[in-house]
Amino acid sequence: MKYNVPVQVPVGVSNRHIHLSQADLEALFGAGYSLTEMKPLKQPGQYACKEVLIVAGPKGVIANVRVLGPTRKQTQVEVSRSDAFVLGLQPPVRDSGDLAGSPGCVLIGPKGSVILKEGLILASRHLHIHTTEAEALNLKDKDRITVAFGGERSVLFQNVLVRAGDAMALEFHLDTDEANACLLKSGEMAYIIEKCDPEAAEAPVAAALAAS
């Protein structure tokens, strides 16, 4: 379903970051420790923290990786593909919270370290949108859309996950690798152009490969 008028949406470029469980927070920073809010994020109730950690893999480490709050049920580390090369790991592209079978890594803090068995992912590009706005666009949570950016390196982002809810604020999230490839910056505008079927989006590619 294409929209007659493309829907403007602000862009948020997500750098590498960590969501911690309370247990892992205390293992890294000390018993009874609480996160220190540094600045609020656009998504209601979420914030960047003063706390940073070292993320280590079999081939390398990345220092000063920002922790985001509040704490979650399970620790999740979100990196770009370029970061993964530095670490020597191959995380899958996953929706937030879908961590089963993903690789782990080592987190190093001022008071200790945590060896994660799983939790390292490349986050699926996604759209945060309030329930009311989603309904106006005939969208619901976990739908897929196509988002366009028309800069010098114009691009169509297909198969973008919709995250709709009452605690969401309108923003299109992608990682630094995706943004750098098309010279896209936080605060710039992209456009929702259609609600799409992920399988239909892959069909032309499959057909082209079959014919080659």
N, C-alpha and C. Protein backbone atom coordinates (compact mmCIF):
# COMPACT_ATOMS: atom_id res chain seq x y z
N MET A 1 0.84 -1.19 0.00
CA MET A 1 0.00 0.00 0.00
C MET A 1 0.87 1.24 0.00
N LYS A 2 0.82 2.01 -1.09
CA LYS A 2 1.59 3.24 -1.18
C LYS A 2 0.77 4.40 -0.64
N TYR A 3 1.43 5.36 0.00
CA TYR A 3 0.77 6.55 0.49
C TYR A 3 0.76 7.60 -0.62
N ASN A 4 -0.38 8.29 -0.77
CA ASN A 4 -0.48 9.32 -1.81
C ASN A 4 0.53 10.44 -1.58
N VAL A 5 0.76 10.77 -0.32
CA VAL A 5 1.75 11.77 0.04
C VAL A 5 2.74 11.12 1.00
N PRO A 6 4.04 11.08 0.67
CA PRO A 6 5.03 10.49 1.58
C PRO A 6 4.97 11.13 2.96
N VAL A 7 5.12 10.33 4.00
CA VAL A 7 5.00 10.79 5.38
C VAL A 7 6.39 11.11 5.93
N GLN A 8 6.60 12.35 6.30
CA GLN A 8 7.90 12.78 6.80
C GLN A 8 8.17 12.22 8.20
N VAL A 9 9.40 11.77 8.41
CA VAL A 9 9.76 11.20 9.71
C VAL A 9 11.19 11.59 10.05
N PRO A 10 11.45 12.04 11.30
CA PRO A 10 12.81 12.39 11.70
C PRO A 10 13.68 11.15 11.87
N VAL A 11 14.95 11.32 11.60
CA VAL A 11 15.91 10.22 11.65
C VAL A 11 16.71 10.27 12.95
N GLY A 12 16.93 9.11 13.55
CA GLY A 12 17.83 8.99 14.69
C GLY A 12 18.87 7.93 14.39
N VAL A 13 20.12 8.33 14.28
CA VAL A 13 21.20 7.38 13.99
C VAL A 13 21.71 6.80 15.31
N SER A 14 21.66 5.49 15.45
CA SER A 14 22.03 4.82 16.70
C SER A 14 23.48 4.35 16.65
N ASN A 15 24.30 4.94 17.51
CA ASN A 15 25.66 4.45 17.68
C ASN A 15 25.63 3.20 18.54
N ARG A 16 26.74 2.49 18.61
CA ARG A 16 26.83 1.30 19.47
C ARG A 16 26.41 1.65 20.90
N HIS A 17 25.69 0.75 21.54
CA HIS A 17 25.25 0.99 22.91
C HIS A 17 24.85 -0.31 23.59
N ILE A 18 24.61 -0.21 24.91
CA ILE A 18 24.34 -1.38 25.73
C ILE A 18 23.11 -1.14 26.59
N HIS A 19 22.23 -2.13 26.66
CA HIS A 19 21.13 -2.16 27.63
C HIS A 19 21.49 -3.24 28.65
N LEU A 20 21.51 -2.90 29.92
CA LEU A 20 21.93 -3.84 30.96
C LEU A 20 20.77 -4.37 31.79
N SER A 21 20.90 -5.62 32.21
CA SER A 21 20.01 -6.15 33.25
C SER A 21 20.52 -5.62 34.58
N GLN A 22 19.66 -5.65 35.60
CA GLN A 22 20.08 -5.17 36.92
C GLN A 22 21.22 -6.01 37.48
N ALA A 23 21.13 -7.33 37.27
CA ALA A 23 22.18 -8.22 37.78
C ALA A 23 23.53 -7.91 37.15
N ASP A 24 23.53 -7.69 35.83
CA ASP A 24 24.79 -7.39 35.15
C ASP A 24 25.29 -5.99 35.52
N LEU A 25 24.37 -5.05 35.71
CA LEU A 25 24.76 -3.71 36.15
C LEU A 25 25.52 -3.78 37.47
N GLU A 26 25.01 -4.56 38.41
CA GLU A 26 25.66 -4.64 39.71
C GLU A 26 26.98 -5.41 39.64
N ALA A 27 27.07 -6.39 38.75
CA ALA A 27 28.32 -7.12 38.58
C ALA A 27 29.41 -6.21 38.02
N LEU A 28 29.02 -5.26 37.20
CA LEU A 28 29.98 -4.37 36.54
C LEU A 28 30.33 -3.13 37.36
N PHE A 29 29.35 -2.63 38.14
CA PHE A 29 29.55 -1.36 38.84
C PHE A 29 29.45 -1.47 40.37
N GLY A 30 29.04 -2.63 40.88
CA GLY A 30 28.96 -2.80 42.32
C GLY A 30 27.55 -3.05 42.81
N ALA A 31 27.43 -3.73 43.93
CA ALA A 31 26.13 -4.09 44.50
C ALA A 31 25.30 -2.85 44.79
N GLY A 32 24.00 -2.91 44.40
CA GLY A 32 23.08 -1.82 44.67
C GLY A 32 23.24 -0.61 43.76
N TYR A 33 24.07 -0.75 42.73
CA TYR A 33 24.35 0.40 41.85
C TYR A 33 23.12 0.77 41.02
N SER A 34 22.93 2.08 40.78
CA SER A 34 21.86 2.59 39.93
C SER A 34 22.46 3.40 38.79
N LEU A 35 21.86 3.33 37.63
CA LEU A 35 22.32 4.10 36.48
C LEU A 35 22.18 5.59 36.73
N THR A 36 23.11 6.36 36.14
CA THR A 36 23.12 7.81 36.28
C THR A 36 22.67 8.44 34.97
N GLU A 37 21.50 9.06 34.97
CA GLU A 37 20.99 9.66 33.73
C GLU A 37 21.85 10.85 33.32
N MET A 38 22.25 10.88 32.04
CA MET A 38 23.02 11.99 31.48
C MET A 38 22.14 12.91 30.65
N LYS A 39 21.32 12.31 29.76
CA LYS A 39 20.38 13.10 28.97
C LYS A 39 19.25 12.21 28.50
N PRO A 40 18.04 12.77 28.39
CA PRO A 40 16.91 11.97 27.90
C PRO A 40 17.03 11.71 26.41
N LEU A 41 16.51 10.57 25.99
CA LEU A 41 16.41 10.26 24.57
C LEU A 41 15.02 10.63 24.08
N LYS A 42 14.84 10.58 22.78
CA LYS A 42 13.53 10.99 22.24
C LYS A 42 12.43 10.04 22.66
N GLN A 43 12.77 8.74 22.80
CA GLN A 43 11.75 7.78 23.21
C GLN A 43 11.42 7.97 24.69
N PRO A 44 10.15 8.18 25.04
CA PRO A 44 9.76 8.47 26.41
C PRO A 44 10.29 7.45 27.42
N GLY A 45 10.88 7.96 28.50
CA GLY A 45 11.36 7.10 29.57
C GLY A 45 12.74 6.51 29.35
N GLN A 46 13.33 6.74 28.18
CA GLN A 46 14.65 6.21 27.89
C GLN A 46 15.70 7.32 27.95
N TYR A 47 16.91 6.97 28.32
CA TYR A 47 17.94 7.99 28.51
C TYR A 47 19.34 7.42 28.32
N ALA A 48 20.24 8.30 27.91
CA ALA A 48 21.66 7.96 27.85
C ALA A 48 22.24 8.14 29.24
N CYS A 49 23.12 7.22 29.62
CA CYS A 49 23.71 7.24 30.97
C CYS A 49 25.14 7.74 30.94
N LYS A 50 25.62 8.17 32.07
CA LYS A 50 27.02 8.56 32.19
C LYS A 50 27.93 7.33 32.11
N GLU A 51 27.38 6.17 32.45
CA GLU A 51 28.18 4.95 32.49
C GLU A 51 28.57 4.48 31.09
N VAL A 52 29.82 4.05 30.95
CA VAL A 52 30.32 3.44 29.72
C VAL A 52 31.06 2.16 30.09
N LEU A 53 31.17 1.25 29.12
CA LEU A 53 31.82 -0.04 29.34
C LEU A 53 32.77 -0.35 28.19
N ILE A 54 33.64 -1.31 28.43
CA ILE A 54 34.47 -1.89 27.37
C ILE A 54 33.78 -3.16 26.89
N VAL A 55 33.66 -3.29 25.57
CA VAL A 55 33.12 -4.51 24.97
C VAL A 55 34.28 -5.26 24.32
N ALA A 56 34.44 -6.51 24.67
CA ALA A 56 35.56 -7.30 24.16
C ALA A 56 35.08 -8.53 23.41
N GLY A 57 35.78 -8.83 22.31
CA GLY A 57 35.54 -10.03 21.54
C GLY A 57 36.83 -10.77 21.33
N PRO A 58 36.82 -11.84 20.54
CA PRO A 58 38.02 -12.65 20.34
C PRO A 58 39.15 -11.94 19.60
N LYS A 59 38.83 -10.88 18.83
CA LYS A 59 39.87 -10.21 18.05
C LYS A 59 40.18 -8.80 18.50
N GLY A 60 39.31 -8.19 19.30
CA GLY A 60 39.56 -6.81 19.68
C GLY A 60 38.57 -6.30 20.70
N VAL A 61 38.77 -5.05 21.10
CA VAL A 61 37.90 -4.41 22.09
C VAL A 61 37.44 -3.05 21.59
N ILE A 62 36.30 -2.61 22.10
CA ILE A 62 35.79 -1.26 21.84
C ILE A 62 35.54 -0.62 23.19
N ALA A 63 36.18 0.51 23.43
CA ALA A 63 36.06 1.19 24.72
C ALA A 63 34.97 2.24 24.68
N ASN A 64 34.54 2.66 25.87
CA ASN A 64 33.61 3.78 26.03
C ASN A 64 32.28 3.57 25.31
N VAL A 65 31.74 2.37 25.42
CA VAL A 65 30.44 2.08 24.82
C VAL A 65 29.36 2.51 25.82
N ARG A 66 28.48 3.38 25.37
CA ARG A 66 27.49 4.02 26.24
C ARG A 66 26.42 3.03 26.70
N VAL A 67 26.05 3.14 27.96
CA VAL A 67 24.93 2.39 28.51
C VAL A 67 23.67 3.25 28.40
N LEU A 68 22.57 2.64 27.99
CA LEU A 68 21.28 3.32 27.94
C LEU A 68 20.36 2.76 29.03
N GLY A 69 19.55 3.64 29.60
CA GLY A 69 18.63 3.21 30.65
C GLY A 69 17.19 3.33 30.19
N PRO A 70 16.29 2.74 30.97
CA PRO A 70 16.51 2.03 32.23
C PRO A 70 17.00 0.59 32.00
N THR A 71 17.21 -0.15 33.10
CA THR A 71 17.65 -1.54 32.97
C THR A 71 16.56 -2.38 32.31
N ARG A 72 16.97 -3.50 31.77
CA ARG A 72 16.06 -4.42 31.08
C ARG A 72 16.14 -5.82 31.70
N LYS A 73 15.27 -6.68 31.24
CA LYS A 73 15.25 -8.05 31.74
C LYS A 73 16.53 -8.78 31.35
N GLN A 74 17.02 -8.53 30.14
CA GLN A 74 18.22 -9.21 29.64
C GLN A 74 19.16 -8.20 29.01
N THR A 75 20.44 -8.37 29.23
CA THR A 75 21.45 -7.47 28.66
C THR A 75 21.50 -7.63 27.14
N GLN A 76 21.57 -6.51 26.45
CA GLN A 76 21.60 -6.49 24.98
C GLN A 76 22.66 -5.49 24.53
N VAL A 77 23.54 -5.92 23.63
CA VAL A 77 24.60 -5.07 23.10
C VAL A 77 24.33 -4.87 21.61
N GLU A 78 24.17 -3.61 21.20
CA GLU A 78 23.87 -3.30 19.80
C GLU A 78 25.09 -2.62 19.16
N VAL A 79 25.57 -3.21 18.08
CA VAL A 79 26.75 -2.69 17.38
C VAL A 79 26.46 -2.61 15.89
N SER A 80 27.37 -1.98 15.15
CA SER A 80 27.29 -1.97 13.70
C SER A 80 28.11 -3.14 13.15
N ARG A 81 27.99 -3.38 11.87
CA ARG A 81 28.78 -4.45 11.24
C ARG A 81 30.27 -4.13 11.34
N SER A 82 30.62 -2.85 11.19
CA SER A 82 32.03 -2.45 11.31
C SER A 82 32.56 -2.75 12.70
N ASP A 83 31.74 -2.48 13.73
CA ASP A 83 32.13 -2.80 15.10
C ASP A 83 32.34 -4.31 15.26
N ALA A 84 31.47 -5.09 14.65
CA ALA A 84 31.56 -6.54 14.76
C ALA A 84 32.87 -7.06 14.19
N PHE A 85 33.34 -6.44 13.09
CA PHE A 85 34.63 -6.83 12.53
C PHE A 85 35.76 -6.58 13.53
N VAL A 86 35.70 -5.44 14.22
CA VAL A 86 36.71 -5.12 15.23
C VAL A 86 36.71 -6.17 16.34
N LEU A 87 35.52 -6.58 16.77
CA LEU A 87 35.40 -7.55 17.85
C LEU A 87 35.74 -8.97 17.40
N GLY A 88 35.62 -9.24 16.10
CA GLY A 88 35.84 -10.58 15.60
C GLY A 88 34.64 -11.48 15.79
N LEU A 89 33.44 -10.89 15.73
CA LEU A 89 32.20 -11.63 15.93
C LEU A 89 31.25 -11.41 14.77
N GLN A 90 30.25 -12.29 14.65
CA GLN A 90 29.29 -12.20 13.56
C GLN A 90 27.86 -12.18 14.11
N PRO A 91 27.45 -11.06 14.68
CA PRO A 91 26.09 -10.97 15.21
C PRO A 91 25.06 -10.93 14.10
N PRO A 92 23.88 -11.49 14.34
CA PRO A 92 22.81 -11.45 13.34
C PRO A 92 22.05 -10.13 13.38
N VAL A 93 21.31 -9.84 12.32
CA VAL A 93 20.38 -8.72 12.32
C VAL A 93 19.12 -9.19 13.04
N ARG A 94 18.78 -8.51 14.12
CA ARG A 94 17.65 -8.94 14.95
C ARG A 94 16.83 -7.74 15.42
N ASP A 95 15.54 -8.01 15.67
CA ASP A 95 14.70 -7.03 16.35
C ASP A 95 15.14 -6.97 17.81
N SER A 96 14.99 -5.82 18.41
CA SER A 96 15.37 -5.65 19.80
C SER A 96 14.66 -6.67 20.68
N GLY A 97 15.43 -7.33 21.57
CA GLY A 97 14.85 -8.33 22.46
C GLY A 97 14.89 -9.74 21.93
N ASP A 98 15.14 -9.91 20.62
CA ASP A 98 15.22 -11.24 20.02
C ASP A 98 16.68 -11.67 20.05
N LEU A 99 17.10 -12.27 21.15
CA LEU A 99 18.52 -12.53 21.38
C LEU A 99 18.91 -14.00 21.33
N ALA A 100 17.95 -14.89 21.26
CA ALA A 100 18.25 -16.32 21.28
C ALA A 100 19.16 -16.71 20.12
N GLY A 101 20.26 -17.38 20.43
CA GLY A 101 21.17 -17.84 19.39
C GLY A 101 22.16 -16.80 18.91
N SER A 102 22.08 -15.58 19.43
CA SER A 102 23.06 -14.55 19.06
C SER A 102 24.36 -14.79 19.82
N PRO A 103 25.50 -14.29 19.30
CA PRO A 103 26.75 -14.51 20.01
C PRO A 103 26.84 -13.66 21.28
N GLY A 104 27.71 -14.07 22.15
CA GLY A 104 27.98 -13.28 23.35
C GLY A 104 29.24 -12.45 23.18
N CYS A 105 29.64 -11.80 24.24
CA CYS A 105 30.86 -11.00 24.27
C CYS A 105 31.19 -10.79 25.74
N VAL A 106 32.27 -10.07 26.01
CA VAL A 106 32.65 -9.77 27.38
C VAL A 106 32.46 -8.27 27.63
N LEU A 107 31.80 -7.93 28.72
CA LEU A 107 31.64 -6.54 29.14
C LEU A 107 32.55 -6.31 30.34
N ILE A 108 33.31 -5.21 30.28
CA ILE A 108 34.26 -4.90 31.34
C ILE A 108 33.91 -3.54 31.93
N GLY A 109 33.67 -3.53 33.24
CA GLY A 109 33.33 -2.31 33.95
C GLY A 109 34.33 -2.00 35.04
N PRO A 110 34.09 -0.96 35.82
CA PRO A 110 35.04 -0.54 36.85
C PRO A 110 35.12 -1.49 38.05
N LYS A 111 34.09 -2.29 38.26
CA LYS A 111 34.07 -3.17 39.43
C LYS A 111 34.09 -4.66 39.08
N GLY A 112 34.07 -4.98 37.81
CA GLY A 112 34.06 -6.38 37.43
C GLY A 112 33.77 -6.56 35.95
N SER A 113 33.59 -7.79 35.54
CA SER A 113 33.29 -8.11 34.14
C SER A 113 32.16 -9.12 34.07
N VAL A 114 31.53 -9.17 32.91
CA VAL A 114 30.43 -10.10 32.66
C VAL A 114 30.69 -10.81 31.34
N ILE A 115 30.60 -12.12 31.35
CA ILE A 115 30.72 -12.89 30.12
C ILE A 115 29.30 -13.23 29.65
N LEU A 116 28.90 -12.61 28.55
CA LEU A 116 27.56 -12.87 28.01
C LEU A 116 27.58 -14.10 27.12
N LYS A 117 26.64 -15.00 27.32
CA LYS A 117 26.52 -16.16 26.45
C LYS A 117 25.81 -15.80 25.15
N GLU A 118 24.97 -14.78 25.19
CA GLU A 118 24.26 -14.27 24.01
C GLU A 118 23.88 -12.82 24.28
N GLY A 119 23.48 -12.12 23.21
CA GLY A 119 23.01 -10.75 23.42
C GLY A 119 23.61 -9.70 22.52
N LEU A 120 24.57 -10.09 21.65
CA LEU A 120 25.18 -9.14 20.71
C LEU A 120 24.45 -9.19 19.38
N ILE A 121 23.89 -8.05 18.94
CA ILE A 121 23.11 -8.04 17.69
C ILE A 121 23.42 -6.80 16.84
N LEU A 122 23.07 -6.91 15.57
CA LEU A 122 22.93 -5.76 14.67
C LEU A 122 21.44 -5.44 14.69
N ALA A 123 21.06 -4.32 15.21
CA ALA A 123 19.63 -4.02 15.37
C ALA A 123 18.96 -3.81 14.02
N SER A 124 17.79 -4.42 13.84
CA SER A 124 17.00 -4.16 12.64
C SER A 124 16.65 -2.68 12.56
N ARG A 125 16.75 -2.10 11.37
CA ARG A 125 16.29 -0.71 11.25
C ARG A 125 14.79 -0.70 11.52
N HIS A 126 14.34 0.35 12.21
CA HIS A 126 12.96 0.33 12.68
C HIS A 126 12.40 1.73 12.84
N LEU A 127 11.10 1.80 12.87
CA LEU A 127 10.37 3.05 13.06
C LEU A 127 9.63 3.02 14.38
N HIS A 128 9.93 3.98 15.27
CA HIS A 128 9.12 4.18 16.46
C HIS A 128 7.95 5.10 16.10
N ILE A 129 6.76 4.74 16.52
CA ILE A 129 5.59 5.56 16.20
C ILE A 129 4.52 5.34 17.25
N HIS A 130 3.86 6.42 17.64
CA HIS A 130 2.79 6.33 18.63
C HIS A 130 1.60 5.60 18.02
N THR A 131 0.85 4.91 18.86
CA THR A 131 -0.30 4.12 18.40
C THR A 131 -1.26 4.95 17.55
N THR A 132 -1.56 6.18 18.00
CA THR A 132 -2.51 7.03 17.27
C THR A 132 -2.00 7.37 15.88
N GLU A 133 -0.72 7.72 15.78
CA GLU A 133 -0.14 8.03 14.47
C GLU A 133 -0.12 6.79 13.58
N ALA A 134 0.19 5.64 14.17
CA ALA A 134 0.21 4.40 13.39
C ALA A 134 -1.16 4.09 12.81
N GLU A 135 -2.20 4.23 13.63
CA GLU A 135 -3.55 3.95 13.16
C GLU A 135 -3.94 4.85 12.00
N ALA A 136 -3.50 6.11 12.05
CA ALA A 136 -3.81 7.06 10.98
C ALA A 136 -3.16 6.64 9.66
N LEU A 137 -2.06 5.87 9.76
CA LEU A 137 -1.36 5.41 8.56
C LEU A 137 -1.67 3.95 8.24
N ASN A 138 -2.69 3.40 8.92
CA ASN A 138 -3.07 2.01 8.73
C ASN A 138 -1.91 1.06 9.04
N LEU A 139 -1.16 1.39 10.10
CA LEU A 139 -0.04 0.57 10.53
C LEU A 139 -0.29 0.02 11.93
N LYS A 140 0.34 -1.10 12.22
CA LYS A 140 0.30 -1.67 13.56
C LYS A 140 1.69 -2.18 13.92
N ASP A 141 1.88 -2.50 15.19
CA ASP A 141 3.17 -2.99 15.65
C ASP A 141 3.60 -4.23 14.87
N LYS A 142 4.87 -4.23 14.46
CA LYS A 142 5.53 -5.32 13.73
C LYS A 142 5.19 -5.37 12.25
N ASP A 143 4.45 -4.37 11.75
CA ASP A 143 4.33 -4.24 10.30
C ASP A 143 5.68 -3.88 9.71
N ARG A 144 5.76 -3.91 8.39
CA ARG A 144 6.99 -3.52 7.69
C ARG A 144 6.67 -2.42 6.68
N ILE A 145 7.60 -1.47 6.56
CA ILE A 145 7.40 -0.34 5.67
C ILE A 145 8.65 -0.08 4.85
N THR A 146 8.50 0.77 3.83
CA THR A 146 9.64 1.26 3.05
C THR A 146 9.83 2.73 3.36
N VAL A 147 11.06 3.09 3.69
CA VAL A 147 11.41 4.48 4.01
C VAL A 147 12.41 4.97 2.99
N ALA A 148 12.20 6.19 2.46
CA ALA A 148 13.07 6.76 1.44
C ALA A 148 13.85 7.94 2.00
N PHE A 149 15.09 8.08 1.53
CA PHE A 149 15.89 9.26 1.82
C PHE A 149 16.41 9.79 0.50
N GLY A 150 16.24 11.10 0.26
CA GLY A 150 16.56 11.66 -1.05
C GLY A 150 17.77 12.54 -1.10
N GLY A 151 18.79 12.28 -0.33
CA GLY A 151 19.99 13.10 -0.35
C GLY A 151 20.88 12.79 -1.54
N GLU A 152 22.15 13.18 -1.42
CA GLU A 152 23.08 12.96 -2.54
C GLU A 152 23.23 11.48 -2.86
N ARG A 153 23.12 10.65 -1.84
CA ARG A 153 23.13 9.21 -2.05
C ARG A 153 21.75 8.67 -1.68
N SER A 154 20.78 8.99 -2.49
CA SER A 154 19.39 8.61 -2.21
C SER A 154 19.27 7.10 -2.10
N VAL A 155 18.36 6.67 -1.25
CA VAL A 155 18.25 5.24 -0.98
C VAL A 155 16.83 4.91 -0.51
N LEU A 156 16.42 3.67 -0.77
CA LEU A 156 15.18 3.13 -0.22
C LEU A 156 15.55 2.10 0.85
N PHE A 157 15.06 2.30 2.06
CA PHE A 157 15.23 1.32 3.12
C PHE A 157 13.99 0.45 3.16
N GLN A 158 14.11 -0.78 2.70
CA GLN A 158 12.98 -1.70 2.68
C GLN A 158 12.97 -2.54 3.95
N ASN A 159 11.81 -3.15 4.20
CA ASN A 159 11.68 -4.09 5.32
C ASN A 159 11.99 -3.42 6.66
N VAL A 160 11.55 -2.19 6.84
CA VAL A 160 11.74 -1.46 8.10
C VAL A 160 10.66 -1.89 9.09
N LEU A 161 11.09 -2.32 10.26
CA LEU A 161 10.17 -2.79 11.29
C LEU A 161 9.42 -1.63 11.93
N VAL A 162 8.12 -1.78 12.11
CA VAL A 162 7.31 -0.78 12.81
C VAL A 162 7.22 -1.17 14.28
N ARG A 163 7.59 -0.23 15.15
CA ARG A 163 7.44 -0.41 16.60
C ARG A 163 6.41 0.61 17.08
N ALA A 164 5.16 0.19 17.14
CA ALA A 164 4.06 1.08 17.51
C ALA A 164 3.64 0.83 18.95
N GLY A 165 3.36 1.91 19.68
CA GLY A 165 2.92 1.77 21.05
C GLY A 165 2.61 3.12 21.65
N ASP A 166 1.97 3.12 22.80
CA ASP A 166 1.59 4.37 23.46
C ASP A 166 2.78 5.09 24.07
N ALA A 167 3.91 4.39 24.22
CA ALA A 167 5.11 5.01 24.79
C ALA A 167 6.17 5.25 23.72
N MET A 168 5.73 5.43 22.46
CA MET A 168 6.65 5.65 21.35
C MET A 168 6.53 7.07 20.83
N ALA A 169 7.66 7.63 20.38
CA ALA A 169 7.68 8.94 19.71
C ALA A 169 8.22 8.74 18.30
N LEU A 170 7.67 9.45 17.34
CA LEU A 170 7.99 9.22 15.93
C LEU A 170 9.48 9.43 15.64
N GLU A 171 10.14 8.37 15.18
CA GLU A 171 11.55 8.45 14.84
C GLU A 171 11.96 7.18 14.09
N PHE A 172 12.75 7.36 13.03
CA PHE A 172 13.27 6.26 12.24
C PHE A 172 14.70 5.98 12.69
N HIS A 173 14.96 4.77 13.19
CA HIS A 173 16.27 4.41 13.72
C HIS A 173 17.02 3.49 12.76
N LEU A 174 18.29 3.80 12.54
CA LEU A 174 19.19 2.94 11.80
C LEU A 174 20.58 3.09 12.39
N ASP A 175 21.50 2.17 12.06
CA ASP A 175 22.80 2.23 12.70
C ASP A 175 23.77 3.09 11.91
N THR A 176 24.97 3.27 12.46
CA THR A 176 25.94 4.20 11.86
C THR A 176 26.42 3.75 10.49
N ASP A 177 26.58 2.45 10.29
CA ASP A 177 27.00 1.97 8.97
C ASP A 177 25.96 2.33 7.91
N GLU A 178 24.69 2.06 8.21
CA GLU A 178 23.61 2.35 7.26
C GLU A 178 23.54 3.85 6.96
N ALA A 179 23.64 4.66 8.01
CA ALA A 179 23.55 6.11 7.84
C ALA A 179 24.74 6.67 7.07
N ASN A 180 25.93 6.21 7.41
CA ASN A 180 27.13 6.73 6.73
C ASN A 180 27.15 6.40 5.25
N ALA A 181 26.57 5.24 4.89
CA ALA A 181 26.57 4.82 3.49
C ALA A 181 25.78 5.79 2.60
N CYS A 182 24.80 6.47 3.18
CA CYS A 182 24.00 7.40 2.37
C CYS A 182 24.07 8.83 2.89
N LEU A 183 25.10 9.13 3.71
CA LEU A 183 25.34 10.49 4.21
C LEU A 183 24.15 11.05 4.99
N LEU A 184 23.53 10.19 5.77
CA LEU A 184 22.33 10.55 6.52
C LEU A 184 22.71 10.84 7.97
N LYS A 185 22.16 11.91 8.54
CA LYS A 185 22.49 12.34 9.89
C LYS A 185 21.24 12.39 10.77
N SER A 186 21.46 12.26 12.07
CA SER A 186 20.36 12.41 13.02
C SER A 186 19.74 13.79 12.87
N GLY A 187 18.41 13.84 12.93
CA GLY A 187 17.70 15.10 12.81
C GLY A 187 17.25 15.42 11.40
N GLU A 188 17.84 14.75 10.41
CA GLU A 188 17.37 14.93 9.03
C GLU A 188 16.06 14.19 8.84
N MET A 189 15.42 14.43 7.71
CA MET A 189 14.11 13.85 7.45
C MET A 189 14.16 12.78 6.37
N ALA A 190 13.49 11.68 6.64
CA ALA A 190 13.25 10.66 5.64
C ALA A 190 11.73 10.58 5.44
N TYR A 191 11.30 9.67 4.55
CA TYR A 191 9.88 9.63 4.20
C TYR A 191 9.37 8.19 4.14
N ILE A 192 8.27 7.95 4.85
CA ILE A 192 7.58 6.66 4.72
C ILE A 192 6.80 6.70 3.41
N ILE A 193 7.08 5.76 2.52
CA ILE A 193 6.39 5.81 1.22
C ILE A 193 5.39 4.69 1.03
N GLU A 194 5.56 3.58 1.77
CA GLU A 194 4.58 2.51 1.62
C GLU A 194 4.67 1.51 2.75
N LYS A 195 3.54 0.85 2.99
CA LYS A 195 3.49 -0.33 3.83
C LYS A 195 3.79 -1.51 2.92
N CYS A 196 4.68 -2.39 3.34
CA CYS A 196 5.12 -3.41 2.39
C CYS A 196 5.03 -4.82 2.97
N ASP A 197 5.08 -5.78 2.08
CA ASP A 197 5.14 -7.19 2.40
C ASP A 197 6.59 -7.62 2.24
N PRO A 198 7.27 -8.05 3.32
CA PRO A 198 8.68 -8.41 3.22
C PRO A 198 8.97 -9.45 2.14
N GLU A 199 8.09 -10.43 1.99
CA GLU A 199 8.30 -11.46 0.98
C GLU A 199 8.19 -10.88 -0.42
N ALA A 200 7.26 -9.94 -0.61
CA ALA A 200 7.11 -9.31 -1.92
C ALA A 200 8.32 -8.46 -2.25
N ALA A 201 8.90 -7.82 -1.24
CA ALA A 201 10.08 -6.99 -1.46
C ALA A 201 11.26 -7.81 -1.93
N GLU A 202 11.35 -9.07 -1.48
CA GLU A 202 12.45 -9.95 -1.86
C GLU A 202 12.23 -10.62 -3.22
N ALA A 203 10.98 -10.64 -3.69
CA ALA A 203 10.66 -11.38 -4.91
C ALA A 203 11.45 -10.91 -6.13
N PRO A 204 11.56 -9.59 -6.41
CA PRO A 204 12.32 -9.17 -7.59
C PRO A 204 13.78 -9.60 -7.54
N VAL A 205 14.38 -9.58 -6.34
CA VAL A 205 15.77 -10.00 -6.20
C VAL A 205 15.90 -11.50 -6.50
N ALA A 206 14.98 -12.28 -5.94
CA ALA A 206 15.01 -13.73 -6.17
C ALA A 206 14.82 -14.05 -7.65
N ALA A 207 13.93 -13.32 -8.32
CA ALA A 207 13.67 -13.54 -9.73
C ALA A 207 14.90 -13.22 -10.57
N ALA A 208 15.58 -12.12 -10.22
CA ALA A 208 16.77 -11.71 -10.95
C ALA A 208 17.89 -12.73 -10.79
N LEU A 209 18.05 -13.24 -9.59
CA LEU A 209 19.09 -14.25 -9.35
C LEU A 209 18.79 -15.54 -10.10
N ALA A 210 17.50 -15.91 -10.12
CA ALA A 210 17.12 -17.14 -10.82
C ALA A 210 17.36 -17.04 -12.32
N ALA A 211 17.22 -15.82 -12.87
CA ALA A 211 17.38 -15.62 -14.32
C ALA A 211 18.83 -15.45 -14.73
N SER A 212 19.71 -15.22 -13.76
CA SER A 212 21.12 -14.94 -14.11
C SER A 212 21.89 -16.22 -14.40
